[in-house]
N, C-alpha and C. Protein backbone atom coordinates (compact mmCIF):
# COMPACT_ATOMS: atom_id res chain seq x y z
N MET A 1 -11.77 -1.43 -9.86
CA MET A 1 -12.56 -1.05 -8.71
C MET A 1 -12.34 0.43 -8.43
N LYS A 2 -13.40 1.14 -8.28
CA LYS A 2 -13.31 2.57 -8.00
C LYS A 2 -13.68 2.81 -6.54
N ILE A 3 -12.85 3.60 -5.87
CA ILE A 3 -13.08 3.91 -4.46
C ILE A 3 -13.80 5.25 -4.36
N THR A 4 -14.95 5.23 -3.72
CA THR A 4 -15.68 6.48 -3.50
C THR A 4 -16.12 6.54 -2.04
N PRO A 5 -15.78 7.62 -1.38
CA PRO A 5 -16.17 7.73 0.03
C PRO A 5 -17.61 8.19 0.18
N ASN A 6 -18.13 8.05 1.39
CA ASN A 6 -19.41 8.66 1.73
C ASN A 6 -19.11 10.15 1.83
N LYS A 7 -19.53 10.90 0.82
CA LYS A 7 -19.13 12.30 0.71
C LYS A 7 -19.68 13.19 1.81
N VAL A 8 -20.87 12.89 2.29
CA VAL A 8 -21.44 13.67 3.39
C VAL A 8 -20.63 13.43 4.66
N PHE A 9 -20.37 12.16 4.96
CA PHE A 9 -19.59 11.81 6.14
C PHE A 9 -18.19 12.41 6.06
N LEU A 10 -17.55 12.31 4.88
CA LEU A 10 -16.22 12.86 4.68
C LEU A 10 -16.21 14.37 4.88
N GLY A 11 -17.18 15.05 4.29
CA GLY A 11 -17.27 16.50 4.43
C GLY A 11 -17.44 16.92 5.88
N ASN A 12 -18.30 16.20 6.60
CA ASN A 12 -18.51 16.50 8.01
C ASN A 12 -17.25 16.23 8.84
N ALA A 13 -16.55 15.15 8.54
CA ALA A 13 -15.32 14.81 9.27
C ALA A 13 -14.24 15.85 9.04
N ILE A 14 -14.10 16.30 7.81
CA ILE A 14 -13.09 17.33 7.51
C ILE A 14 -13.46 18.64 8.16
N LEU A 15 -14.71 18.98 8.14
CA LEU A 15 -15.15 20.21 8.81
C LEU A 15 -14.86 20.13 10.31
N GLN A 16 -15.13 18.99 10.90
CA GLN A 16 -14.94 18.82 12.34
C GLN A 16 -13.46 18.80 12.72
N THR A 17 -12.62 18.16 11.92
CA THR A 17 -11.21 18.01 12.30
C THR A 17 -10.32 19.12 11.77
N GLU A 18 -10.64 19.65 10.60
CA GLU A 18 -9.79 20.66 9.97
C GLU A 18 -10.39 22.06 10.03
N GLY A 19 -11.68 22.13 10.30
CA GLY A 19 -12.34 23.43 10.37
C GLY A 19 -12.57 24.08 9.02
N ILE A 20 -12.57 23.27 7.95
CA ILE A 20 -12.83 23.82 6.61
C ILE A 20 -13.95 23.04 5.94
N GLU A 21 -14.72 23.75 5.15
CA GLU A 21 -15.74 23.11 4.35
C GLU A 21 -15.15 22.77 3.00
N ILE A 22 -15.48 21.60 2.50
CA ILE A 22 -14.97 21.21 1.19
C ILE A 22 -16.12 20.89 0.26
N ASN A 23 -15.84 21.00 -1.00
CA ASN A 23 -16.75 20.51 -2.03
C ASN A 23 -16.50 19.00 -2.10
N PRO A 24 -17.52 18.19 -1.93
CA PRO A 24 -17.32 16.73 -1.90
C PRO A 24 -16.57 16.17 -3.10
N THR A 25 -16.61 16.85 -4.22
CA THR A 25 -15.89 16.34 -5.39
C THR A 25 -14.39 16.63 -5.32
N ASP A 26 -13.97 17.42 -4.33
CA ASP A 26 -12.55 17.77 -4.19
C ASP A 26 -11.74 16.74 -3.39
N TRP A 27 -12.37 15.69 -2.90
CA TRP A 27 -11.67 14.77 -2.01
C TRP A 27 -10.42 14.14 -2.63
N PRO A 28 -10.39 13.80 -3.93
CA PRO A 28 -9.15 13.20 -4.45
C PRO A 28 -7.95 14.16 -4.37
N GLY A 29 -8.17 15.40 -4.68
CA GLY A 29 -7.10 16.38 -4.61
C GLY A 29 -6.62 16.61 -3.19
N LEU A 30 -7.56 16.65 -2.25
CA LEU A 30 -7.20 16.82 -0.84
C LEU A 30 -6.40 15.62 -0.34
N LEU A 31 -6.81 14.44 -0.74
CA LEU A 31 -6.10 13.23 -0.33
C LEU A 31 -4.70 13.20 -0.95
N TYR A 32 -4.59 13.59 -2.21
CA TYR A 32 -3.29 13.64 -2.87
C TYR A 32 -2.36 14.60 -2.13
N GLU A 33 -2.87 15.77 -1.77
CA GLU A 33 -2.07 16.75 -1.01
C GLU A 33 -1.58 16.16 0.29
N ARG A 34 -2.47 15.52 1.04
CA ARG A 34 -2.11 14.96 2.34
C ARG A 34 -1.08 13.84 2.17
N LEU A 35 -1.29 12.96 1.20
CA LEU A 35 -0.35 11.87 0.98
C LEU A 35 1.02 12.38 0.55
N SER A 36 1.06 13.45 -0.21
CA SER A 36 2.34 13.97 -0.69
C SER A 36 3.16 14.60 0.44
N GLN A 37 2.54 14.85 1.58
CA GLN A 37 3.24 15.42 2.73
C GLN A 37 3.84 14.36 3.66
N LEU A 38 3.48 13.10 3.42
CA LEU A 38 3.94 12.02 4.31
C LEU A 38 5.35 11.57 3.96
N ASN A 39 6.07 11.18 4.99
CA ASN A 39 7.35 10.52 4.81
C ASN A 39 7.05 9.02 4.85
N PHE A 40 7.00 8.40 3.69
CA PHE A 40 6.56 7.01 3.62
C PHE A 40 7.56 6.04 4.25
N THR A 41 8.82 6.43 4.37
CA THR A 41 9.78 5.59 5.09
C THR A 41 9.37 5.48 6.55
N LEU A 42 8.97 6.61 7.14
CA LEU A 42 8.51 6.59 8.53
C LEU A 42 7.19 5.85 8.67
N VAL A 43 6.30 6.00 7.70
CA VAL A 43 5.02 5.28 7.73
C VAL A 43 5.28 3.78 7.70
N GLN A 44 6.17 3.35 6.81
CA GLN A 44 6.50 1.93 6.72
C GLN A 44 7.05 1.40 8.04
N LYS A 45 7.96 2.14 8.64
CA LYS A 45 8.52 1.71 9.93
C LYS A 45 7.45 1.67 11.02
N ASP A 46 6.52 2.61 10.96
CA ASP A 46 5.46 2.69 11.97
C ASP A 46 4.53 1.49 11.92
N VAL A 47 4.17 1.04 10.72
CA VAL A 47 3.19 -0.04 10.59
C VAL A 47 3.81 -1.43 10.54
N GLN A 48 5.10 -1.50 10.34
CA GLN A 48 5.78 -2.79 10.15
C GLN A 48 5.49 -3.78 11.27
N SER A 49 5.49 -3.34 12.50
CA SER A 49 5.28 -4.27 13.62
C SER A 49 3.85 -4.79 13.72
N PHE A 50 2.92 -4.17 12.99
CA PHE A 50 1.53 -4.60 13.02
C PHE A 50 1.21 -5.61 11.91
N LEU A 51 2.14 -5.82 11.01
CA LEU A 51 1.90 -6.69 9.86
C LEU A 51 2.37 -8.11 10.12
N LYS A 52 1.60 -9.07 9.62
CA LYS A 52 1.99 -10.47 9.76
C LYS A 52 3.30 -10.72 9.02
N GLN A 53 3.44 -10.11 7.87
CA GLN A 53 4.67 -10.18 7.09
C GLN A 53 5.29 -8.78 7.09
N PRO A 54 6.20 -8.47 8.00
CA PRO A 54 6.74 -7.11 8.13
C PRO A 54 7.32 -6.55 6.83
N ASP A 55 7.83 -7.40 5.96
CA ASP A 55 8.37 -6.90 4.69
C ASP A 55 7.29 -6.29 3.80
N ASP A 56 6.03 -6.62 4.05
CA ASP A 56 4.94 -6.04 3.27
C ASP A 56 4.84 -4.53 3.45
N ALA A 57 5.46 -4.00 4.48
CA ALA A 57 5.45 -2.55 4.69
C ALA A 57 6.07 -1.82 3.52
N GLN A 58 6.93 -2.49 2.79
CA GLN A 58 7.56 -1.87 1.62
C GLN A 58 6.54 -1.53 0.53
N LEU A 59 5.38 -2.14 0.61
CA LEU A 59 4.32 -1.86 -0.38
C LEU A 59 3.60 -0.55 -0.09
N ILE A 60 3.83 0.00 1.09
CA ILE A 60 3.16 1.25 1.46
C ILE A 60 4.00 2.41 0.92
N THR A 61 3.64 2.84 -0.28
CA THR A 61 4.35 3.92 -0.95
C THR A 61 3.35 4.92 -1.51
N GLN A 62 3.81 6.10 -1.75
CA GLN A 62 2.93 7.10 -2.34
C GLN A 62 2.48 6.65 -3.73
N GLU A 63 3.37 6.04 -4.47
CA GLU A 63 3.02 5.57 -5.82
C GLU A 63 1.90 4.54 -5.77
N ASN A 64 1.97 3.62 -4.81
CA ASN A 64 0.91 2.61 -4.71
C ASN A 64 -0.41 3.23 -4.28
N PHE A 65 -0.39 4.18 -3.35
CA PHE A 65 -1.63 4.87 -2.97
C PHE A 65 -2.20 5.61 -4.17
N ASN A 66 -1.35 6.30 -4.91
CA ASN A 66 -1.83 7.03 -6.09
C ASN A 66 -2.48 6.09 -7.10
N ARG A 67 -1.84 4.94 -7.30
CA ARG A 67 -2.36 3.97 -8.26
C ARG A 67 -3.71 3.41 -7.79
N ILE A 68 -3.79 3.03 -6.53
CA ILE A 68 -5.03 2.47 -5.98
C ILE A 68 -6.17 3.46 -6.05
N LEU A 69 -5.86 4.72 -5.74
CA LEU A 69 -6.90 5.75 -5.67
C LEU A 69 -7.05 6.55 -6.97
N ASN A 70 -6.30 6.15 -7.99
CA ASN A 70 -6.31 6.86 -9.27
C ASN A 70 -5.99 8.34 -9.09
N LEU A 71 -4.98 8.63 -8.28
CA LEU A 71 -4.56 9.99 -8.04
C LEU A 71 -3.30 10.26 -8.85
N ASN A 72 -3.46 11.03 -9.87
CA ASN A 72 -2.33 11.38 -10.73
C ASN A 72 -2.22 12.87 -10.82
N ASN A 73 -1.53 13.44 -9.82
CA ASN A 73 -1.33 14.90 -9.78
C ASN A 73 -2.63 15.66 -9.90
N GLN A 74 -3.57 15.35 -9.04
CA GLN A 74 -4.87 16.03 -9.03
C GLN A 74 -4.70 17.50 -8.78
């Protein structure tokens, strides 16, 4: 399964929130950059209380996001 965003909507959202225009084909690299800045231990702790099975938070890792989104050092 390949994940592709609505590129117009994504471009508009990034322009509105970040104040930068992007080339719609650059979204994987931008997402990889943003994900690489996260502390996934904190993310796991943050979402754990919202999960039916709190131990599932351990699945929230940068490696799993990269695999799902096919992001390999974009």
